[in-house]
Amino acid sequence: MSLLGETQMLRCYWLDQDGIQRSDNVMGTQACKPRFPILLEQHGSDASECGYFARAIAHSDAVQTSRAHLQRGFGVACVTLAVTAPLAGMPGVLCCDLAWQDDSAR
């Protein structure tokens, strides 16, 4: 099964080396329907201040994980995975938002 087919996958997007989103969102095929789709239109947004972006740039050999946070477009808690990945020969960071569930609360 591809990453986009995972049930927790909400979306993937690519940030350039300055933290600016330069790609459209690629939605997970099993993702819940966005509650606020306009909030997902983030082409050109700046994620340079996000810890996961800075850590991905600093540690290009490992996937970085954010703390749980609200994914506003979907209206659900998520974590962001980030790893350095070139796109069309340009350095940058691939990010994936995954729906998050606190297993310790069960």
C-alpha atoms as a PDB file:
ATOM      1  CA  MET A   1       0.000   0.000   0.000  1.00  0.00           C
ATOM      2  CA  SER A   2       1.323   3.450  -0.817  1.00  0.00           C
ATOM      3  CA  LEU A   3       1.802   6.133   1.790  1.00  0.00           C
ATOM      4  CA  LEU A   4      -1.086   8.138   0.309  1.00  0.00           C
ATOM      5  CA  GLY A   5      -3.361   5.121   0.847  1.00  0.00           C
ATOM      6  CA  GLU A   6      -2.706   4.918   4.585  1.00  0.00           C
ATOM      7  CA  THR A   7      -5.812   5.701   6.626  1.00  0.00           C
ATOM      8  CA  GLN A   8      -4.028   8.309   8.769  1.00  0.00           C
ATOM      9  CA  MET A   9      -2.563  10.231   5.811  1.00  0.00           C
ATOM     10  CA  LEU A  10      -4.213  13.628   5.411  1.00  0.00           C
ATOM     11  CA  ARG A  11      -1.926  15.391   2.934  1.00  0.00           C
ATOM     12  CA  CYS A  12       1.628  15.775   1.644  1.00  0.00           C
ATOM     13  CA  TYR A  13       3.303  18.933   0.399  1.00  0.00           C
ATOM     14  CA  TRP A  14       6.798  20.205  -0.425  1.00  0.00           C
ATOM     15  CA  LEU A  15       8.641  23.173   1.090  1.00  0.00           C
ATOM     16  CA  ASP A  16      11.611  24.817  -0.571  1.00  0.00           C
ATOM     17  CA  GLN A  17      14.892  25.300   1.308  1.00  0.00           C
ATOM     18  CA  ASP A  18      13.541  28.561   2.784  1.00  0.00           C
ATOM     19  CA  GLY A  19      10.401  26.876   4.183  1.00  0.00           C
ATOM     20  CA  ILE A  20       7.962  28.210   1.575  1.00  0.00           C
ATOM     21  CA  GLN A  21       5.332  25.763   0.318  1.00  0.00           C
ATOM     22  CA  ARG A  22       5.951  25.468  -3.417  1.00  0.00           C
ATOM     23  CA  SER A  23       3.689  22.537  -4.222  1.00  0.00           C
ATOM     24  CA  ASP A  24       0.001  21.881  -4.196  1.00  0.00           C
ATOM     25  CA  ASN A  25      -1.294  19.534  -1.521  1.00  0.00           C
ATOM     26  CA  VAL A  26      -1.517  15.871  -2.410  1.00  0.00           C
ATOM     27  CA  MET A  27      -4.403  14.484  -0.399  1.00  0.00           C
ATOM     28  CA  GLY A  28      -4.387  11.031   1.127  1.00  0.00           C
ATOM     29  CA  THR A  29      -6.739   8.690  -0.708  1.00  0.00           C
ATOM     30  CA  GLN A  30      -8.329   7.542   2.563  1.00  0.00           C
ATOM     31  CA  ALA A  31      -8.353  10.977   4.234  1.00  0.00           C
ATOM     32  CA  CYS A  32     -11.499  12.295   5.812  1.00  0.00           C
ATOM     33  CA  LYS A  33     -13.205  15.064   3.865  1.00  0.00           C
ATOM     34  CA  PRO A  34     -11.722  18.475   4.765  1.00  0.00           C
ATOM     35  CA  ARG A  35     -13.997  20.513   7.024  1.00  0.00           C
ATOM     36  CA  PHE A  36     -12.481  23.820   5.951  1.00  0.00           C
ATOM     37  CA  PRO A  37     -10.961  23.291   2.468  1.00  0.00           C
ATOM     38  CA  ILE A  38      -9.990  26.948   2.050  1.00  0.00           C
ATOM     39  CA  LEU A  39      -7.539  26.539   4.948  1.00  0.00           C
ATOM     40  CA  LEU A  40      -5.697  23.868   2.955  1.00  0.00           C
ATOM     41  CA  GLU A  41      -4.872  26.278   0.135  1.00  0.00           C
ATOM     42  CA  GLN A  42      -1.420  27.098   1.470  1.00  0.00           C
ATOM     43  CA  HIS A  43       0.725  27.403  -1.653  1.00  0.00           C
ATOM     44  CA  GLY A  44       3.254  30.094  -0.780  1.00  0.00           C
ATOM     45  CA  SER A  45       2.813  29.794   2.991  1.00  0.00           C
ATOM     46  CA  ASP A  46       5.899  30.081   5.186  1.00  0.00           C
ATOM     47  CA  ALA A  47       6.783  27.161   7.476  1.00  0.00           C
ATOM     48  CA  SER A  48      10.360  28.288   8.153  1.00  0.00           C
ATOM     49  CA  GLU A  49       9.551  28.896  11.838  1.00  0.00           C
ATOM     50  CA  CYS A  50       8.175  25.380  12.342  1.00  0.00           C
ATOM     51  CA  GLY A  51      10.442  23.139  14.371  1.00  0.00           C
ATOM     52  CA  TYR A  52       9.957  20.131  12.101  1.00  0.00           C
ATOM     53  CA  PHE A  53      11.222  22.139   9.107  1.00  0.00           C
ATOM     54  CA  ALA A  54      14.331  23.407  10.904  1.00  0.00           C
ATOM     55  CA  ARG A  55      15.114  19.925  12.242  1.00  0.00           C
ATOM     56  CA  ALA A  56      14.683  18.357   8.788  1.00  0.00           C
ATOM     57  CA  ILE A  57      17.156  20.858   7.314  1.00  0.00           C
ATOM     58  CA  ALA A  58      19.633  20.323  10.173  1.00  0.00           C
ATOM     59  CA  HIS A  59      19.351  16.513  10.173  1.00  0.00           C
ATOM     60  CA  SER A  60      18.898  15.531   6.544  1.00  0.00           C
ATOM     61  CA  ASP A  61      19.456  11.851   7.273  1.00  0.00           C
ATOM     62  CA  ALA A  62      16.344  11.343   9.430  1.00  0.00           C
ATOM     63  CA  VAL A  63      12.580  11.851   9.339  1.00  0.00           C
ATOM     64  CA  GLN A  64      11.477  14.522  11.806  1.00  0.00           C
ATOM     65  CA  THR A  65       8.148  14.467  13.654  1.00  0.00           C
ATOM     66  CA  SER A  66       6.234  17.456  14.997  1.00  0.00           C
ATOM     67  CA  ARG A  67       4.270  17.549  18.201  1.00  0.00           C
ATOM     68  CA  ALA A  68       0.550  16.924  17.844  1.00  0.00           C
ATOM     69  CA  HIS A  69      -1.277  20.018  16.599  1.00  0.00           C
ATOM     70  CA  LEU A  70      -4.596  20.982  15.017  1.00  0.00           C
ATOM     71  CA  GLN A  71      -4.706  20.541  11.238  1.00  0.00           C
ATOM     72  CA  ARG A  72      -7.145  23.393  10.647  1.00  0.00           C
ATOM     73  CA  GLY A  73      -8.309  22.365   7.178  1.00  0.00           C
ATOM     74  CA  PHE A  74      -9.403  18.936   8.348  1.00  0.00           C
ATOM     75  CA  GLY A  75     -10.292  20.005  11.883  1.00  0.00           C
ATOM     76  CA  VAL A  76      -8.410  17.065  13.421  1.00  0.00           C
ATOM     77  CA  ALA A  77      -5.282  16.579  15.512  1.00  0.00           C
ATOM     78  CA  CYS A  78      -2.260  15.581  13.458  1.00  0.00           C
ATOM     79  CA  VAL A  79       1.499  15.236  13.465  1.00  0.00           C
ATOM     80  CA  THR A  80       3.708  16.339  10.604  1.00  0.00           C
ATOM     81  CA  LEU A  81       6.505  14.141   9.308  1.00  0.00           C
ATOM     82  CA  ALA A  82       9.287  15.999   7.487  1.00  0.00           C
ATOM     83  CA  VAL A  83      12.346  14.825   5.589  1.00  0.00           C
ATOM     84  CA  THR A  84      14.717  16.543   3.194  1.00  0.00           C
ATOM     85  CA  ALA A  85      13.848  15.675  -0.383  1.00  0.00           C
ATOM     86  CA  PRO A  86      14.809  17.416  -3.622  1.00  0.00           C
ATOM     87  CA  LEU A  87      12.109  18.269  -6.140  1.00  0.00           C
ATOM     88  CA  ALA A  88      13.112  18.930  -9.749  1.00  0.00           C
ATOM     89  CA  GLY A  89      16.712  19.179  -8.566  1.00  0.00           C
ATOM     90  CA  MET A  90      15.958  21.836  -5.953  1.00  0.00           C
ATOM     91  CA  PRO A  91      16.620  21.156  -2.239  1.00  0.00           C
ATOM     92  CA  GLY A  92      13.674  21.175   0.099  1.00  0.00           C
ATOM     93  CA  VAL A  93      11.568  19.276   2.611  1.00  0.00           C
ATOM     94  CA  LEU A  94       8.742  16.827   1.990  1.00  0.00           C
ATOM     95  CA  CYS A  95       6.053  17.090   4.671  1.00  0.00           C
ATOM     96  CA  CYS A  96       3.170  14.746   5.417  1.00  0.00           C
ATOM     97  CA  ASP A  97       0.347  15.450   7.853  1.00  0.00           C
ATOM     98  CA  LEU A  98      -0.964  12.327   9.574  1.00  0.00           C
ATOM     99  CA  ALA A  99      -4.104  12.149  11.687  1.00  0.00           C
ATOM    100  CA  TRP A 100      -2.951  11.657  15.272  1.00  0.00           C
ATOM    101  CA  GLN A 101      -4.572   9.648  17.998  1.00  0.00           C
ATOM    102  CA  ASP A 102      -3.290   9.478  21.561  1.00  0.00           C
ATOM    103  CA  ASP A 103      -3.183   5.744  22.271  1.00  0.00           C
ATOM    104  CA  SER A 104      -2.428   6.407  25.941  1.00  0.00           C
ATOM    105  CA  ALA A 105      -5.954   7.802  26.395  1.00  0.00           C
ATOM    106  CA  ARG A 106      -7.522   4.411  25.693  1.00  0.00           C
END
